[in-house]
């Protein structure tokens, strides 16, 4: 049977960055794998980030978005049937940050998928920089996407001690689980809190064998009810002295939506400026390499309104927003 893994995590948690490392582990072992980008959105920017994995041992597939939940489920199942007929060693599913966990488990119990696939690991990525209290919809997603995980993997430690990060994020996740009336509580043995650059082959093997847990919880929201979203603004070049004010203006303008975070990188005369902004603080740092993109995460976002701030300052003719 083909192993199938699920990589979950709320918007902006770092799923795709983790997936790049996780998938390479199997490719370098000579296994034949497929990555299925299972996204409700009409455009999936993560697929662009994964192109470097595509090759003899790795297929990239995507479910076209822009449809309702029932249509999305049918497309998901059809895509898995196609992959199941290829006798792969492993399929790794990366869903949107807004995802109904039951869809994954229910579909895999359908014929003929129940004969072709064996659930491997459910891995949940938790943002080490997330705020102590998220909006209700995001708290629900954090709880529901962590409830069945075999391993909770913390991202973006930024030099913080792994033990203190594990305890802090663990307490937050367990509050989210309590909020959806889930009986499960995660413990330190369920958590991986270490710099991702230091992952060993042994770590990746632990993730591959982490399994999953059967957990029930109260569904407070359906994917269609959740207003949280992420927009990408690419090919941006603006004067360095304007960047801090620009980010501050977008964050403070309620007509842009309820913004949780703006992150990304913008080009400088030499190198790049890495940006990570919340309402509490804005962090910028020069880095040698980057990609010209701002990622805006929030509720009820207005892409057009954010465009109105970026376009007047931008000198890159390739500008695009998604």
Protein backbone atom coordinates (compact mmCIF):
# COMPACT_ATOMS: atom_id res chain seq x y z
CA UNK A 1 0.00 0.00 0.00
CA UNK A 2 1.04 3.60 -0.54
CA UNK A 3 1.74 5.60 2.59
CA UNK A 4 -0.08 8.93 2.70
CA UNK A 5 0.93 11.78 5.02
CA UNK A 6 -0.91 14.98 5.87
CA UNK A 7 0.94 18.21 6.69
CA UNK A 8 -1.37 20.64 8.50
CA UNK A 9 -0.97 24.07 10.07
CA UNK A 10 -2.78 27.39 10.13
CA UNK A 11 -2.07 30.10 7.57
CA UNK A 12 1.55 31.20 7.51
CA UNK A 13 2.80 28.52 9.93
CA UNK A 14 5.54 27.23 7.61
CA UNK A 15 4.02 24.08 6.09
CA UNK A 16 5.64 24.48 2.68
CA UNK A 17 9.09 25.20 4.12
CA UNK A 18 8.81 22.03 6.20
CA UNK A 19 7.51 20.06 3.24
CA UNK A 20 10.57 20.96 1.18
CA UNK A 21 12.82 19.35 3.79
CA UNK A 22 10.53 16.41 4.47
CA UNK A 23 10.04 15.47 0.80
CA UNK A 24 13.78 15.69 0.03
CA UNK A 25 14.34 13.06 2.69
CA UNK A 26 12.34 10.49 0.70
CA UNK A 27 13.67 11.61 -2.69
CA UNK A 28 17.27 11.18 -1.52
CA UNK A 29 16.38 7.67 -0.34
CA UNK A 30 15.24 6.87 -3.89
CA UNK A 31 11.55 6.58 -3.01
CA UNK A 32 8.92 7.54 -5.56
CA UNK A 33 6.63 10.15 -4.07
CA UNK A 34 3.94 12.63 -5.04
CA UNK A 35 3.04 15.91 -3.38
CA UNK A 36 -0.60 16.89 -3.57
CA UNK A 37 -1.36 20.54 -2.98
CA UNK A 38 -4.94 20.41 -1.75
CA UNK A 39 -6.07 24.05 -1.65
CA UNK A 40 -9.47 25.75 -1.73
CA UNK A 41 -7.94 28.78 -3.40
CA UNK A 42 -8.04 29.35 -7.15
CA UNK A 43 -4.27 29.99 -7.19
CA UNK A 44 -1.66 28.15 -5.12
CA UNK A 45 1.59 30.03 -4.69
CA UNK A 46 3.05 27.13 -2.69
CA UNK A 47 3.18 25.03 -5.84
CA UNK A 48 5.69 27.49 -7.28
CA UNK A 49 7.90 27.06 -4.22
CA UNK A 50 7.93 23.28 -4.65
CA UNK A 51 9.03 23.19 -8.28
CA UNK A 52 12.62 22.41 -7.31
CA UNK A 53 11.49 19.00 -6.02
CA UNK A 54 9.93 17.92 -9.30
CA UNK A 55 11.83 15.15 -11.04
CA UNK A 56 12.20 11.43 -11.60
CA UNK A 57 11.26 10.55 -8.02
CA UNK A 58 8.75 13.30 -7.28
CA UNK A 59 5.50 14.32 -8.90
CA UNK A 60 3.68 17.56 -8.08
CA UNK A 61 -0.10 17.62 -8.34
CA UNK A 62 -2.67 20.24 -7.44
CA UNK A 63 -6.41 20.25 -6.96
CA UNK A 64 -7.91 23.20 -8.82
CA UNK A 65 -9.67 25.52 -6.41
CA UNK A 66 -12.49 27.97 -6.85
CA UNK A 67 -15.31 25.53 -6.04
CA UNK A 68 -17.56 24.62 -3.12
CA UNK A 69 -16.72 22.04 -0.47
CA UNK A 70 -18.54 19.13 -2.16
CA UNK A 71 -16.86 19.81 -5.48
CA UNK A 72 -13.51 20.12 -3.75
CA UNK A 73 -14.00 16.76 -2.04
CA UNK A 74 -14.79 15.08 -5.38
CA UNK A 75 -11.69 16.56 -6.97
CA UNK A 76 -9.59 15.47 -4.01
CA UNK A 77 -10.84 11.90 -4.30
CA UNK A 78 -10.36 11.81 -8.08
CA UNK A 79 -6.79 13.02 -7.72
CA UNK A 80 -6.04 10.39 -5.08
CA UNK A 81 -7.49 7.65 -7.29
CA UNK A 82 -5.13 8.75 -10.06
CA UNK A 83 -2.15 8.69 -7.70
CA UNK A 84 -3.20 5.39 -6.16
CA UNK A 85 -3.01 3.67 -9.54
CA UNK A 86 0.67 4.61 -9.87
CA UNK A 87 1.91 2.47 -6.98
CA UNK A 88 3.97 5.22 -5.39
CA UNK A 89 5.87 4.75 -2.15
CA UNK A 90 4.36 7.81 -0.51
CA UNK A 91 1.93 10.67 -1.14
CA UNK A 92 2.28 13.85 0.92
CA UNK A 93 -0.80 16.09 1.12
CA UNK A 94 -0.42 19.76 1.97
CA UNK A 95 -3.86 21.35 2.38
CA UNK A 96 -4.79 24.96 2.75
CA UNK A 97 -4.42 26.47 6.20
CA UNK A 98 -8.24 26.37 6.23
CA UNK A 99 -9.04 22.68 6.14
CA UNK A 100 -11.67 20.26 7.43
CA UNK A 101 -9.70 17.32 8.87
CA UNK A 102 -12.64 14.95 8.41
CA UNK A 103 -12.30 15.31 4.64
CA UNK A 104 -8.91 13.60 4.71
CA UNK A 105 -9.94 10.68 6.92
CA UNK A 106 -13.38 10.17 5.35
CA UNK A 107 -12.07 10.06 1.77
CA UNK A 108 -9.43 7.48 2.64
CA UNK A 109 -12.14 5.16 3.92
CA UNK A 110 -13.88 5.25 0.52
CA UNK A 111 -13.46 2.48 -2.04
CA UNK A 112 -10.98 1.97 -3.72
CA UNK A 113 -8.75 4.32 -1.73
CA UNK A 114 -9.10 2.16 1.38
CA UNK A 115 -7.33 -0.63 -0.54
CA UNK A 116 -4.54 1.51 -2.00
CA UNK A 117 -3.55 3.88 0.80
CA UNK A 118 -2.35 3.51 4.37
CA UNK A 119 -2.29 6.63 6.54
CA UNK A 120 1.29 7.31 7.55
CA UNK A 121 1.82 10.47 9.60
CA UNK A 122 -0.27 13.53 10.38
CA UNK A 123 2.19 16.33 11.12
CA UNK A 124 1.05 19.73 12.36
CA UNK A 125 3.26 22.80 11.99
CA UNK A 126 2.83 25.38 14.75
CA UNK A 127 4.19 28.89 14.26
CA UNK A 128 6.66 29.61 17.05
CA UNK A 129 5.92 33.32 16.62
CA UNK A 130 2.13 33.17 16.81
CA UNK A 131 0.35 35.50 19.19
CA UNK A 132 -0.80 34.21 22.57
CA UNK A 133 -4.44 34.78 21.60
CA UNK A 134 -5.61 34.34 18.02
CA UNK A 135 -9.01 35.33 16.59
CA UNK A 136 -11.71 32.69 17.32
CA UNK A 137 -11.64 31.19 13.83
CA UNK A 138 -7.87 30.79 13.93
CA UNK A 139 -8.00 29.28 17.43
CA UNK A 140 -10.50 26.76 16.08
CA UNK A 141 -8.21 25.88 13.17
CA UNK A 142 -5.21 25.55 15.48
CA UNK A 143 -7.09 23.12 17.69
CA UNK A 144 -8.79 21.09 14.97
CA UNK A 145 -5.61 20.72 12.89
CA UNK A 146 -3.60 19.65 15.94
CA UNK A 147 -6.14 17.23 17.39
CA UNK A 148 -5.07 14.19 15.36
CA UNK A 149 -1.38 14.91 14.83
CA UNK A 150 1.30 12.34 15.48
CA UNK A 151 3.85 15.11 15.97
CA UNK A 152 3.55 18.88 16.53
CA UNK A 153 6.54 20.58 14.89
CA UNK A 154 7.36 24.15 15.93
CA UNK A 155 8.62 26.57 13.30
CA UNK A 156 10.50 29.91 13.47
CA UNK A 157 12.21 29.46 16.81
CA UNK A 158 14.53 32.42 16.04
CA UNK A 159 17.12 31.36 18.60
CA UNK A 160 14.61 30.68 21.41
CA UNK A 161 15.40 27.76 23.67
CA UNK A 162 13.55 24.69 22.36
CA UNK A 163 12.28 23.68 25.79
CA UNK A 164 10.67 27.02 26.59
CA UNK A 165 9.20 27.25 23.07
CA UNK A 166 7.73 23.75 23.40
CA UNK A 167 6.07 24.58 26.71
CA UNK A 168 4.70 27.91 25.44
CA UNK A 169 3.25 26.55 22.17
CA UNK A 170 2.03 23.38 23.87
CA UNK A 171 0.04 25.42 26.39
CA UNK A 172 -1.54 27.43 23.55
CA UNK A 173 -2.44 24.35 21.51
CA UNK A 174 -3.97 22.64 24.54
CA UNK A 175 -6.10 25.74 25.23
CA UNK A 176 -7.29 25.57 21.63
CA UNK A 177 -8.12 21.87 22.06
CA UNK A 178 -10.09 22.65 25.21
CA UNK A 179 -11.94 25.37 23.30
CA UNK A 180 -13.28 22.80 20.80
CA UNK A 181 -14.08 20.27 23.56
CA UNK A 182 -11.46 17.80 22.44
CA UNK A 183 -10.47 15.29 25.13
CA UNK A 184 -6.91 15.02 23.86
CA UNK A 185 -4.11 17.06 25.43
CA UNK A 186 -0.69 17.06 23.84
CA UNK A 187 2.43 16.52 25.97
CA UNK A 188 6.08 17.37 25.45
CA UNK A 189 6.71 13.98 23.84
CA UNK A 190 4.32 15.00 21.05
CA UNK A 191 6.36 18.13 20.23
CA UNK A 192 9.50 18.76 18.18
CA UNK A 193 11.06 22.12 19.04
CA UNK A 194 14.45 22.49 17.38
CA UNK A 195 16.05 24.61 14.69
CA UNK A 196 14.97 23.13 11.36
CA UNK A 197 18.49 23.61 10.01
CA UNK A 198 19.62 20.99 12.52
CA UNK A 199 17.13 18.30 11.49
CA UNK A 200 18.90 14.95 11.11
CA UNK A 201 17.92 11.93 9.07
CA UNK A 202 16.86 10.41 12.37
CA UNK A 203 14.48 13.33 13.03
CA UNK A 204 12.90 12.95 9.60
CA UNK A 205 12.47 9.21 10.12
CA UNK A 206 10.69 9.96 13.41
CA UNK A 207 8.33 12.31 11.56
CA UNK A 208 7.71 9.66 8.88
CA UNK A 209 6.73 7.16 11.57
CA UNK A 210 4.83 9.51 13.86
CA UNK A 211 1.41 8.15 12.91
CA UNK A 212 -1.76 9.93 14.00
CA UNK A 213 -4.33 9.91 16.79
CA UNK A 214 -8.08 9.48 16.53
CA UNK A 215 -9.63 12.50 18.24
CA UNK A 216 -13.09 14.03 18.20
CA UNK A 217 -14.03 17.65 18.74
CA UNK A 218 -16.87 20.10 18.22
CA UNK A 219 -16.93 21.70 14.79
CA UNK A 220 -17.42 25.40 15.38
CA UNK A 221 -16.82 26.47 11.79
CA UNK A 222 -16.86 24.95 8.32
CA UNK A 223 -14.18 25.96 5.79
CA UNK A 224 -16.72 28.09 3.94
CA UNK A 225 -17.52 30.06 7.10
CA UNK A 226 -13.92 31.06 7.83
CA UNK A 227 -12.96 34.53 6.70
CA UNK A 228 -9.22 34.16 7.27
CA UNK A 229 -7.15 34.19 4.10
CA UNK A 230 -3.72 34.93 2.71
CA UNK A 231 -2.82 37.21 -0.21
CA UNK A 232 0.51 37.42 -2.03
CA UNK A 233 1.96 40.65 -3.46
CA UNK A 234 4.94 39.96 -5.70
CA UNK A 235 7.56 41.83 -7.72
CA UNK A 236 7.78 44.83 -5.43
CA UNK A 237 10.60 47.38 -5.41
CA UNK A 238 10.14 50.48 -3.29
CA UNK A 239 12.56 52.93 -1.61
CA UNK A 240 14.01 51.53 1.60
CA UNK A 241 13.09 54.64 3.57
CA UNK A 242 9.40 54.11 2.68
CA UNK A 243 9.11 50.47 3.74
CA UNK A 244 8.47 50.87 7.49
CA UNK A 245 5.81 53.53 6.99
CA UNK A 246 4.16 51.54 4.23
CA UNK A 247 3.82 48.43 6.42
CA UNK A 248 2.52 50.53 9.32
CA UNK A 249 -0.09 52.24 7.13
CA UNK A 250 -1.41 48.96 5.71
CA UNK A 251 -1.56 47.31 9.15
CA UNK A 252 -3.48 50.24 10.67
CA UNK A 253 -6.03 50.72 7.86
CA UNK A 254 -9.16 48.76 8.74
CA UNK A 255 -10.37 48.95 5.15
CA UNK A 256 -7.52 46.58 4.21
CA UNK A 257 -9.10 43.96 6.48
CA UNK A 258 -8.22 42.64 9.90
CA UNK A 259 -4.56 41.90 9.32
CA UNK A 260 -2.75 39.43 11.60
CA UNK A 261 0.65 39.50 9.94
CA UNK A 262 2.64 40.85 7.01
CA UNK A 263 5.80 38.95 6.16
CA UNK A 264 8.16 38.56 3.23
CA UNK A 265 11.19 40.27 1.72
CA UNK A 266 11.84 43.32 -0.42
CA UNK A 267 14.94 44.09 -2.50
CA UNK A 268 17.45 46.71 -1.40
CA UNK A 269 20.31 48.23 -3.38
CA UNK A 270 22.44 45.45 -1.93
CA UNK A 271 20.69 42.36 -0.64
CA UNK A 272 17.20 42.08 0.78
CA UNK A 273 15.15 43.30 3.71
CA UNK A 274 13.29 40.55 5.54
CA UNK A 275 9.98 41.69 7.07
CA UNK A 276 7.82 40.18 9.81
CA UNK A 277 5.14 42.54 11.12
CA UNK A 278 2.26 42.14 13.55
CA UNK A 279 0.24 44.81 15.36
CA UNK A 280 2.51 44.36 18.37
CA UNK A 281 5.82 44.83 16.55
CA UNK A 282 7.51 45.08 13.17
CA UNK A 283 10.81 43.28 12.71
CA UNK A 284 13.10 43.90 9.74
CA UNK A 285 16.54 42.51 9.06
CA UNK A 286 18.92 42.62 6.08
CA UNK A 287 19.57 39.23 4.47
CA UNK A 288 21.72 38.17 1.54
CA UNK A 289 19.05 36.26 -0.36
CA UNK A 290 15.30 36.69 -0.72
CA UNK A 291 12.27 36.72 -2.95
CA UNK A 292 10.30 39.88 -3.71
CA UNK A 293 7.01 39.12 -2.03
CA UNK A 294 4.81 40.40 0.78
CA UNK A 295 2.43 37.86 2.30
CA UNK A 296 -0.57 39.34 4.09
CA UNK A 297 -2.57 37.11 6.45
CA UNK A 298 -5.86 38.13 8.03
CA UNK A 299 -9.65 38.19 8.05
CA UNK A 300 -11.75 39.86 5.36
CA UNK A 301 -8.72 41.09 3.44
CA UNK A 302 -9.18 43.58 0.62
CA UNK A 303 -6.54 42.87 -2.02
CA UNK A 304 -7.56 45.96 -3.96
CA UNK A 305 -7.15 48.23 -0.94
CA UNK A 306 -3.70 46.84 -0.17
CA UNK A 307 -2.83 47.28 -3.86
CA UNK A 308 -3.67 50.97 -3.49
CA UNK A 309 -0.85 51.37 -0.96
CA UNK A 310 1.75 49.33 -2.85
CA UNK A 311 1.26 50.43 -6.44
CA UNK A 312 2.11 54.15 -6.07
CA UNK A 313 5.50 53.32 -4.50
CA UNK A 314 6.39 50.28 -6.59
CA UNK A 315 8.78 50.62 -9.54
CA UNK A 316 8.79 46.96 -10.65
CA UNK A 317 6.59 46.61 -13.77
CA UNK A 318 6.07 42.91 -13.04
CA UNK A 319 3.95 43.62 -9.95
CA UNK A 320 1.16 41.13 -9.37
CA UNK A 321 -1.18 40.41 -6.45
CA UNK A 322 -2.99 37.13 -5.81
